[in-house]
Amino acid sequence: MEQNKKPYKKVRRDDMEIMGKPMSVKVVHNQIEPAIKLWKRKLKDSGILEQLKERKEFIKPSAVKRKQKEEAIRAEWRRRRFDN
């Protein structure tokens, strides 16, 4: 039974964070899975991926306004349809 014990305690989030570097993570006790999981969470929460996707292709301001208008019309239609 003693052989199945893990050699280290579960790594806490505070142990993996590096102060002063918000987008970096430290690997503790060669446990890379929790470090990758934390890094992905930080990347998602920061919004960097969304910015990269938006900057990939230039969209004209008129096209952006047109898309926003279409989405607003669709949302209003849904609101009216499902409120009744």
PDB file of N, CA and C in Angstrom:
ATOM      1  N   MET A   1       0.822  -1.184   0.000  1.00  0.00           N
ATOM      2  CA  MET A   1       0.000   0.000   0.000  1.00  0.00           C
ATOM      3  C   MET A   1       0.871   1.255   0.000  1.00  0.00           C
ATOM      4  N   GLU A   2       1.963   1.225   0.684  1.00  0.00           N
ATOM      5  CA  GLU A   2       2.855   2.375   0.774  1.00  0.00           C
ATOM      6  C   GLU A   2       3.531   2.673  -0.564  1.00  0.00           C
ATOM      7  N   GLN A   3       3.667   1.701  -1.444  1.00  0.00           N
ATOM      8  CA  GLN A   3       4.358   1.907  -2.711  1.00  0.00           C
ATOM      9  C   GLN A   3       3.547   2.759  -3.676  1.00  0.00           C
ATOM     10  N   ASN A   4       2.228   2.764  -3.537  1.00  0.00           N
ATOM     11  CA  ASN A   4       1.376   3.516  -4.439  1.00  0.00           C
ATOM     12  C   ASN A   4       1.292   5.001  -4.093  1.00  0.00           C
ATOM     13  N   LYS A   5       1.900   5.409  -2.992  1.00  0.00           N
ATOM     14  CA  LYS A   5       1.848   6.805  -2.594  1.00  0.00           C
ATOM     15  C   LYS A   5       2.632   7.673  -3.576  1.00  0.00           C
ATOM     16  N   LYS A   6       2.118   8.870  -3.786  1.00  0.00           N
ATOM     17  CA  LYS A   6       2.820   9.819  -4.655  1.00  0.00           C
ATOM     18  C   LYS A   6       4.023  10.372  -3.901  1.00  0.00           C
ATOM     19  N   PRO A   7       5.117  10.621  -4.600  1.00  0.00           N
ATOM     20  CA  PRO A   7       6.310  11.107  -3.905  1.00  0.00           C
ATOM     21  C   PRO A   7       6.182  12.553  -3.434  1.00  0.00           C
ATOM     22  N   TYR A   8       5.254  13.326  -4.010  1.00  0.00           N
ATOM     23  CA  TYR A   8       5.108  14.723  -3.644  1.00  0.00           C
ATOM     24  C   TYR A   8       3.659  15.043  -3.361  1.00  0.00           C
ATOM     25  N   LYS A   9       3.454  16.119  -2.618  1.00  0.00           N
ATOM     26  CA  LYS A   9       2.100  16.601  -2.397  1.00  0.00           C
ATOM     27  C   LYS A   9       1.565  17.212  -3.684  1.00  0.00           C
ATOM     28  N   LYS A  10       0.280  17.411  -3.727  1.00  0.00           N
ATOM     29  CA  LYS A  10      -0.333  18.082  -4.873  1.00  0.00           C
ATOM     30  C   LYS A  10       0.197  19.514  -4.937  1.00  0.00           C
ATOM     31  N   VAL A  11       0.559  19.945  -6.132  1.00  0.00           N
ATOM     32  CA  VAL A  11       1.151  21.260  -6.310  1.00  0.00           C
ATOM     33  C   VAL A  11       0.042  22.305  -6.265  1.00  0.00           C
ATOM     34  N   ARG A  12       0.243  23.337  -5.470  1.00  0.00           N
ATOM     35  CA  ARG A  12      -0.747  24.405  -5.363  1.00  0.00           C
ATOM     36  C   ARG A  12      -0.472  25.467  -6.411  1.00  0.00           C
ATOM     37  N   ARG A  13      -1.485  26.232  -6.700  1.00  0.00           N
ATOM     38  CA  ARG A  13      -1.382  27.300  -7.697  1.00  0.00           C
ATOM     39  C   ARG A  13      -0.350  28.350  -7.270  1.00  0.00           C
ATOM     40  N   ASP A  14      -0.328  28.659  -5.972  1.00  0.00           N
ATOM     41  CA  ASP A  14       0.614  29.674  -5.481  1.00  0.00           C
ATOM     42  C   ASP A  14       2.064  29.245  -5.684  1.00  0.00           C
ATOM     43  N   ASP A  15       2.319  27.946  -5.631  1.00  0.00           N
ATOM     44  CA  ASP A  15       3.685  27.452  -5.801  1.00  0.00           C
ATOM     45  C   ASP A  15       4.175  27.611  -7.240  1.00  0.00           C
ATOM     46  N   MET A  16       3.243  27.595  -8.205  1.00  0.00           N
ATOM     47  CA  MET A  16       3.628  27.649  -9.617  1.00  0.00           C
ATOM     48  C   MET A  16       3.700  29.067 -10.180  1.00  0.00           C
ATOM     49  N   GLU A  17       3.082  30.037  -9.510  1.00  0.00           N
ATOM     50  CA  GLU A  17       3.084  31.400 -10.031  1.00  0.00           C
ATOM     51  C   GLU A  17       4.419  32.077  -9.756  1.00  0.00           C
ATOM     52  N   ILE A  18       4.831  32.915 -10.700  1.00  0.00           N
ATOM     53  CA  ILE A  18       6.063  33.679 -10.558  1.00  0.00           C
ATOM     54  C   ILE A  18       5.674  35.135 -10.386  1.00  0.00           C
ATOM     55  N   MET A  19       6.061  35.715  -9.264  1.00  0.00           N
ATOM     56  CA  MET A  19       5.692  37.102  -8.979  1.00  0.00           C
ATOM     57  C   MET A  19       6.373  38.061  -9.960  1.00  0.00           C
ATOM     58  N   GLY A  20       5.612  39.011 -10.454  1.00  0.00           N
ATOM     59  CA  GLY A  20       6.152  40.003 -11.369  1.00  0.00           C
ATOM     60  C   GLY A  20       6.080  39.598 -12.828  1.00  0.00           C
ATOM     61  N   LYS A  21       5.731  38.346 -13.100  1.00  0.00           N
ATOM     62  CA  LYS A  21       5.600  37.862 -14.480  1.00  0.00           C
ATOM     63  C   LYS A  21       4.242  37.185 -14.604  1.00  0.00           C
ATOM     64  N   PRO A  22       3.239  37.944 -15.035  1.00  0.00           N
ATOM     65  CA  PRO A  22       1.875  37.409 -15.010  1.00  0.00           C
ATOM     66  C   PRO A  22       1.613  36.250 -15.967  1.00  0.00           C
ATOM     67  N   MET A  23       2.347  36.144 -17.057  1.00  0.00           N
ATOM     68  CA  MET A  23       2.075  35.092 -18.036  1.00  0.00           C
ATOM     69  C   MET A  23       3.073  33.940 -17.966  1.00  0.00           C
ATOM     70  N   SER A  24       3.781  33.808 -16.874  1.00  0.00           N
ATOM     71  CA  SER A  24       4.738  32.704 -16.766  1.00  0.00           C
ATOM     72  C   SER A  24       4.367  31.813 -15.580  1.00  0.00           C
ATOM     73  N   VAL A  25       4.759  30.549 -15.693  1.00  0.00           N
ATOM     74  CA  VAL A  25       4.434  29.542 -14.686  1.00  0.00           C
ATOM     75  C   VAL A  25       5.678  28.714 -14.412  1.00  0.00           C
ATOM     76  N   LYS A  26       5.873  28.351 -13.156  1.00  0.00           N
ATOM     77  CA  LYS A  26       7.028  27.560 -12.756  1.00  0.00           C
ATOM     78  C   LYS A  26       6.605  26.104 -12.593  1.00  0.00           C
ATOM     79  N   VAL A  27       7.415  25.173 -13.121  1.00  0.00           N
ATOM     80  CA  VAL A  27       7.146  23.737 -12.973  1.00  0.00           C
ATOM     81  C   VAL A  27       7.763  23.287 -11.647  1.00  0.00           C
ATOM     82  N   VAL A  28       6.928  22.690 -10.786  1.00  0.00           N
ATOM     83  CA  VAL A  28       7.368  22.271  -9.456  1.00  0.00           C
ATOM     84  C   VAL A  28       7.382  20.750  -9.399  1.00  0.00           C
ATOM     85  N   HIS A  29       8.470  20.172  -8.929  1.00  0.00           N
ATOM     86  CA  HIS A  29       8.637  18.723  -8.750  1.00  0.00           C
ATOM     87  C   HIS A  29       8.372  17.951 -10.054  1.00  0.00           C
ATOM     88  N   ASN A  30       8.783  18.492 -11.185  1.00  0.00           N
ATOM     89  CA  ASN A  30       8.614  17.863 -12.502  1.00  0.00           C
ATOM     90  C   ASN A  30       7.162  17.516 -12.820  1.00  0.00           C
ATOM     91  N   GLN A  31       6.234  18.235 -12.237  1.00  0.00           N
ATOM     92  CA  GLN A  31       4.820  18.027 -12.528  1.00  0.00           C
ATOM     93  C   GLN A  31       4.394  19.065 -13.560  1.00  0.00           C
ATOM     94  N   ILE A  32       4.490  18.680 -14.817  1.00  0.00           N
ATOM     95  CA  ILE A  32       4.256  19.627 -15.898  1.00  0.00           C
ATOM     96  C   ILE A  32       2.769  19.807 -16.222  1.00  0.00           C
ATOM     97  N   GLU A  33       1.944  18.780 -15.972  1.00  0.00           N
ATOM     98  CA  GLU A  33       0.522  18.863 -16.317  1.00  0.00           C
ATOM     99  C   GLU A  33      -0.192  19.997 -15.592  1.00  0.00           C
ATOM    100  N   PRO A  34      -0.052  20.108 -14.257  1.00  0.00           N
ATOM    101  CA  PRO A  34      -0.731  21.231 -13.603  1.00  0.00           C
ATOM    102  C   PRO A  34      -0.176  22.592 -14.030  1.00  0.00           C
ATOM    103  N   ALA A  35       1.126  22.635 -14.360  1.00  0.00           N
ATOM    104  CA  ALA A  35       1.719  23.893 -14.812  1.00  0.00           C
ATOM    105  C   ALA A  35       1.146  24.300 -16.164  1.00  0.00           C
ATOM    106  N   ILE A  36       0.984  23.343 -17.071  1.00  0.00           N
ATOM    107  CA  ILE A  36       0.398  23.645 -18.379  1.00  0.00           C
ATOM    108  C   ILE A  36      -1.054  24.071 -18.216  1.00  0.00           C
ATOM    109  N   LYS A  37      -1.771  23.397 -17.338  1.00  0.00           N
ATOM    110  CA  LYS A  37      -3.179  23.726 -17.107  1.00  0.00           C
ATOM    111  C   LYS A  37      -3.310  25.162 -16.583  1.00  0.00           C
ATOM    112  N   LEU A  38      -2.461  25.539 -15.637  1.00  0.00           N
ATOM    113  CA  LEU A  38      -2.496  26.894 -15.096  1.00  0.00           C
ATOM    114  C   LEU A  38      -2.123  27.918 -16.161  1.00  0.00           C
ATOM    115  N   TRP A  39      -1.108  27.611 -16.963  1.00  0.00           N
ATOM    116  CA  TRP A  39      -0.672  28.530 -18.027  1.00  0.00           C
ATOM    117  C   TRP A  39      -1.783  28.754 -19.048  1.00  0.00           C
ATOM    118  N   LYS A  40      -2.459  27.676 -19.438  1.00  0.00           N
ATOM    119  CA  LYS A  40      -3.567  27.806 -20.388  1.00  0.00           C
ATOM    120  C   LYS A  40      -4.691  28.645 -19.801  1.00  0.00           C
ATOM    121  N   ARG A  41      -4.963  28.468 -18.519  1.00  0.00           N
ATOM    122  CA  ARG A  41      -6.011  29.242 -17.856  1.00  0.00           C
ATOM    123  C   ARG A  41      -5.645  30.730 -17.843  1.00  0.00           C
ATOM    124  N   LYS A  42      -4.375  31.017 -17.522  1.00  0.00           N
ATOM    125  CA  LYS A  42      -3.926  32.408 -17.515  1.00  0.00           C
ATOM    126  C   LYS A  42      -4.018  33.012 -18.909  1.00  0.00           C
ATOM    127  N   LEU A  43      -3.633  32.256 -19.923  1.00  0.00           N
ATOM    128  CA  LEU A  43      -3.676  32.727 -21.304  1.00  0.00           C
ATOM    129  C   LEU A  43      -5.115  33.021 -21.723  1.00  0.00           C
ATOM    130  N   LYS A  44      -6.031  32.150 -21.358  1.00  0.00           N
ATOM    131  CA  LYS A  44      -7.438  32.333 -21.709  1.00  0.00           C
ATOM    132  C   LYS A  44      -8.026  33.543 -20.994  1.00  0.00           C
ATOM    133  N   ASP A  45      -7.735  33.677 -19.700  1.00  0.00           N
ATOM    134  CA  ASP A  45      -8.288  34.782 -18.919  1.00  0.00           C
ATOM    135  C   ASP A  45      -7.730  36.135 -19.334  1.00  0.00           C
ATOM    136  N   SER A  46      -6.502  36.164 -19.855  1.00  0.00           N
ATOM    137  CA  SER A  46      -5.893  37.434 -20.230  1.00  0.00           C
ATOM    138  C   SER A  46      -6.487  38.008 -21.510  1.00  0.00           C
ATOM    139  N   GLY A  47      -7.055  37.155 -22.371  1.00  0.00           N
ATOM    140  CA  GLY A  47      -7.660  37.638 -23.608  1.00  0.00           C
ATOM    141  C   GLY A  47      -6.669  37.829 -24.742  1.00  0.00           C
ATOM    142  N   ILE A  48      -5.465  37.341 -24.599  1.00  0.00           N
ATOM    143  CA  ILE A  48      -4.431  37.509 -25.623  1.00  0.00           C
ATOM    144  C   ILE A  48      -4.787  36.745 -26.893  1.00  0.00           C
ATOM    145  N   LEU A  49      -5.336  35.543 -26.742  1.00  0.00           N
ATOM    146  CA  LEU A  49      -5.683  34.743 -27.925  1.00  0.00           C
ATOM    147  C   LEU A  49      -6.766  35.426 -28.756  1.00  0.00           C
ATOM    148  N   GLU A  50      -7.758  36.029 -28.088  1.00  0.00           N
ATOM    149  CA  GLU A  50      -8.814  36.723 -28.822  1.00  0.00           C
ATOM    150  C   GLU A  50      -8.242  37.900 -29.603  1.00  0.00           C
ATOM    151  N   GLN A  51      -7.299  38.631 -28.982  1.00  0.00           N
ATOM    152  CA  GLN A  51      -6.666  39.758 -29.671  1.00  0.00           C
ATOM    153  C   GLN A  51      -5.907  39.281 -30.902  1.00  0.00           C
ATOM    154  N   LEU A  52      -5.196  38.183 -30.777  1.00  0.00           N
ATOM    155  CA  LEU A  52      -4.437  37.659 -31.917  1.00  0.00           C
ATOM    156  C   LEU A  52      -5.369  37.260 -33.055  1.00  0.00           C
ATOM    157  N   LYS A  53      -6.479  36.620 -32.707  1.00  0.00           N
ATOM    158  CA  LYS A  53      -7.432  36.214 -33.731  1.00  0.00           C
ATOM    159  C   LYS A  53      -8.040  37.422 -34.431  1.00  0.00           C
ATOM    160  N   GLU A  54      -8.319  38.491 -33.661  1.00  0.00           N
ATOM    161  CA  GLU A  54      -8.885  39.694 -34.259  1.00  0.00           C
ATOM    162  C   GLU A  54      -7.873  40.393 -35.175  1.00  0.00           C
ATOM    163  N   ARG A  55      -6.625  40.399 -34.808  1.00  0.00           N
ATOM    164  CA  ARG A  55      -5.597  41.097 -35.575  1.00  0.00           C
ATOM    165  C   ARG A  55      -5.101  40.303 -36.780  1.00  0.00           C
ATOM    166  N   LYS A  56      -5.521  39.067 -36.879  1.00  0.00           N
ATOM    167  CA  LYS A  56      -5.064  38.221 -37.966  1.00  0.00           C
ATOM    168  C   LYS A  56      -5.462  38.792 -39.323  1.00  0.00           C
ATOM    169  N   GLU A  57      -6.632  39.392 -39.363  1.00  0.00           N
ATOM    170  CA  GLU A  57      -7.148  39.920 -40.616  1.00  0.00           C
ATOM    171  C   GLU A  57      -7.766  41.284 -40.333  1.00  0.00           C
ATOM    172  N   PHE A  58      -7.486  42.263 -41.191  1.00  0.00           N
ATOM    173  CA  PHE A  58      -8.063  43.596 -41.020  1.00  0.00           C
ATOM    174  C   PHE A  58      -9.503  43.598 -41.507  1.00  0.00           C
ATOM    175  N   ILE A  59     -10.377  44.119 -40.678  1.00  0.00           N
ATOM    176  CA  ILE A  59     -11.784  44.249 -41.049  1.00  0.00           C
ATOM    177  C   ILE A  59     -12.121  45.731 -41.054  1.00  0.00           C
ATOM    178  N   LYS A  60     -12.703  46.180 -42.141  1.00  0.00           N
ATOM    179  CA  LYS A  60     -13.041  47.587 -42.273  1.00  0.00           C
ATOM    180  C   LYS A  60     -14.031  48.004 -41.194  1.00  0.00           C
ATOM    181  N   PRO A  61     -13.924  49.249 -40.729  1.00  0.00           N
ATOM    182  CA  PRO A  61     -14.857  49.719 -39.702  1.00  0.00           C
ATOM    183  C   PRO A  61     -16.316  49.627 -40.139  1.00  0.00           C
ATOM    184  N   SER A  62     -16.581  49.853 -41.417  1.00  0.00           N
ATOM    185  CA  SER A  62     -17.963  49.762 -41.885  1.00  0.00           C
ATOM    186  C   SER A  62     -18.477  48.321 -41.793  1.00  0.00           C
ATOM    187  N   ALA A  63     -17.604  47.351 -42.041  1.00  0.00           N
ATOM    188  CA  ALA A  63     -17.997  45.950 -41.932  1.00  0.00           C
ATOM    189  C   ALA A  63     -18.254  45.570 -40.478  1.00  0.00           C
ATOM    190  N   VAL A  64     -17.469  46.132 -39.569  1.00  0.00           N
ATOM    191  CA  VAL A  64     -17.666  45.872 -38.142  1.00  0.00           C
ATOM    192  C   VAL A  64     -19.020  46.421 -37.712  1.00  0.00           C
ATOM    193  N   LYS A  65     -19.326  47.659 -38.127  1.00  0.00           N
ATOM    194  CA  LYS A  65     -20.613  48.275 -37.775  1.00  0.00           C
ATOM    195  C   LYS A  65     -21.768  47.472 -38.368  1.00  0.00           C
ATOM    196  N   ARG A  66     -21.626  47.020 -39.593  1.00  0.00           N
ATOM    197  CA  ARG A  66     -22.670  46.243 -40.249  1.00  0.00           C
ATOM    198  C   ARG A  66     -22.936  44.943 -39.481  1.00  0.00           C
ATOM    199  N   LYS A  67     -21.864  44.289 -39.053  1.00  0.00           N
ATOM    200  CA  LYS A  67     -22.010  43.043 -38.315  1.00  0.00           C
ATOM    201  C   LYS A  67     -22.672  43.290 -36.958  1.00  0.00           C
ATOM    202  N   GLN A  68     -22.283  44.370 -36.271  1.00  0.00           N
ATOM    203  CA  GLN A  68     -22.893  44.695 -34.990  1.00  0.00           C
ATOM    204  C   GLN A  68     -24.379  44.981 -35.156  1.00  0.00           C
ATOM    205  N   LYS A  69     -24.729  45.691 -36.227  1.00  0.00           N
ATOM    206  CA  LYS A  69     -26.129  46.016 -36.485  1.00  0.00           C
ATOM    207  C   LYS A  69     -26.933  44.739 -36.739  1.00  0.00           C
ATOM    208  N   GLU A  70     -26.391  43.830 -37.546  1.00  0.00           N
ATOM    209  CA  GLU A  70     -27.072  42.566 -37.819  1.00  0.00           C
ATOM    210  C   GLU A  70     -27.263  41.744 -36.541  1.00  0.00           C
ATOM    211  N   GLU A  71     -26.246  41.717 -35.694  1.00  0.00           N
ATOM    212  CA  GLU A  71     -26.355  40.979 -34.433  1.00  0.00           C
ATOM    213  C   GLU A  71     -27.397  41.602 -33.514  1.00  0.00           C
ATOM    214  N   ALA A  72     -27.467  42.948 -33.494  1.00  0.00           N
ATOM    215  CA  ALA A  72     -28.455  43.632 -32.660  1.00  0.00           C
ATOM    216  C   ALA A  72     -29.864  43.338 -33.150  1.00  0.00           C
ATOM    217  N   ILE A  73     -30.060  43.339 -34.469  1.00  0.00           N
ATOM    218  CA  ILE A  73     -31.378  43.035 -35.041  1.00  0.00           C
ATOM    219  C   ILE A  73     -31.777  41.611 -34.685  1.00  0.00           C
ATOM    220  N   ARG A  74     -30.836  40.685 -34.802  1.00  0.00           N
ATOM    221  CA  ARG A  74     -31.111  39.285 -34.485  1.00  0.00           C
ATOM    222  C   ARG A  74     -31.444  39.108 -32.998  1.00  0.00           C
ATOM    223  N   ALA A  75     -30.691  39.800 -32.129  1.00  0.00           N
ATOM    224  CA  ALA A  75     -30.937  39.691 -30.690  1.00  0.00           C
ATOM    225  C   ALA A  75     -32.298  40.271 -30.333  1.00  0.00           C
ATOM    226  N   GLU A  76     -32.658  41.390 -30.942  1.00  0.00           N
ATOM    227  CA  GLU A  76     -33.965  41.998 -30.685  1.00  0.00           C
ATOM    228  C   GLU A  76     -35.079  41.073 -31.162  1.00  0.00           C
ATOM    229  N   TRP A  77     -34.901  40.454 -32.315  1.00  0.00           N
ATOM    230  CA  TRP A  77     -35.890  39.519 -32.841  1.00  0.00           C
ATOM    231  C   TRP A  77     -36.093  38.357 -31.870  1.00  0.00           C
ATOM    232  N   ARG A  78     -34.976  37.801 -31.354  1.00  0.00           N
ATOM    233  CA  ARG A  78     -35.068  36.701 -30.398  1.00  0.00           C
ATOM    234  C   ARG A  78     -35.771  37.138 -29.119  1.00  0.00           C
ATOM    235  N   ARG A  79     -35.416  38.345 -28.644  1.00  0.00           N
ATOM    236  CA  ARG A  79     -36.010  38.850 -27.405  1.00  0.00           C
ATOM    237  C   ARG A  79     -37.518  38.983 -27.560  1.00  0.00           C
ATOM    238  N   ARG A  80     -37.955  39.568 -28.673  1.00  0.00           N
ATOM    239  CA  ARG A  80     -39.384  39.743 -28.897  1.00  0.00           C
ATOM    240  C   ARG A  80     -40.095  38.414 -29.095  1.00  0.00           C
ATOM    241  N   ARG A  81     -39.446  37.498 -29.780  1.00  0.00           N
ATOM    242  CA  ARG A  81     -40.080  36.221 -30.079  1.00  0.00           C
ATOM    243  C   ARG A  81     -40.278  35.384 -28.813  1.00  0.00           C
ATOM    244  N   PHE A  82     -39.289  35.366 -27.940  1.00  0.00           N
ATOM    245  CA  PHE A  82     -39.339  34.488 -26.773  1.00  0.00           C
ATOM    246  C   PHE A  82     -39.934  35.146 -25.541  1.00  0.00           C
ATOM    247  N   ASP A  83     -40.187  36.453 -25.569  1.00  0.00           N
ATOM    248  CA  ASP A  83     -40.835  37.116 -24.437  1.00  0.00           C
ATOM    249  C   ASP A  83     -42.340  36.883 -24.449  1.00  0.00           C
ATOM    250  N   ASN A  84     -42.913  36.631 -25.620  1.00  0.00           N
ATOM    251  CA  ASN A  84     -44.361  36.456 -25.717  1.00  0.00           C
ATOM    252  C   ASN A  84     -44.816  35.161 -25.179  1.00  0.00           C
TER     253      ASN A  84
END
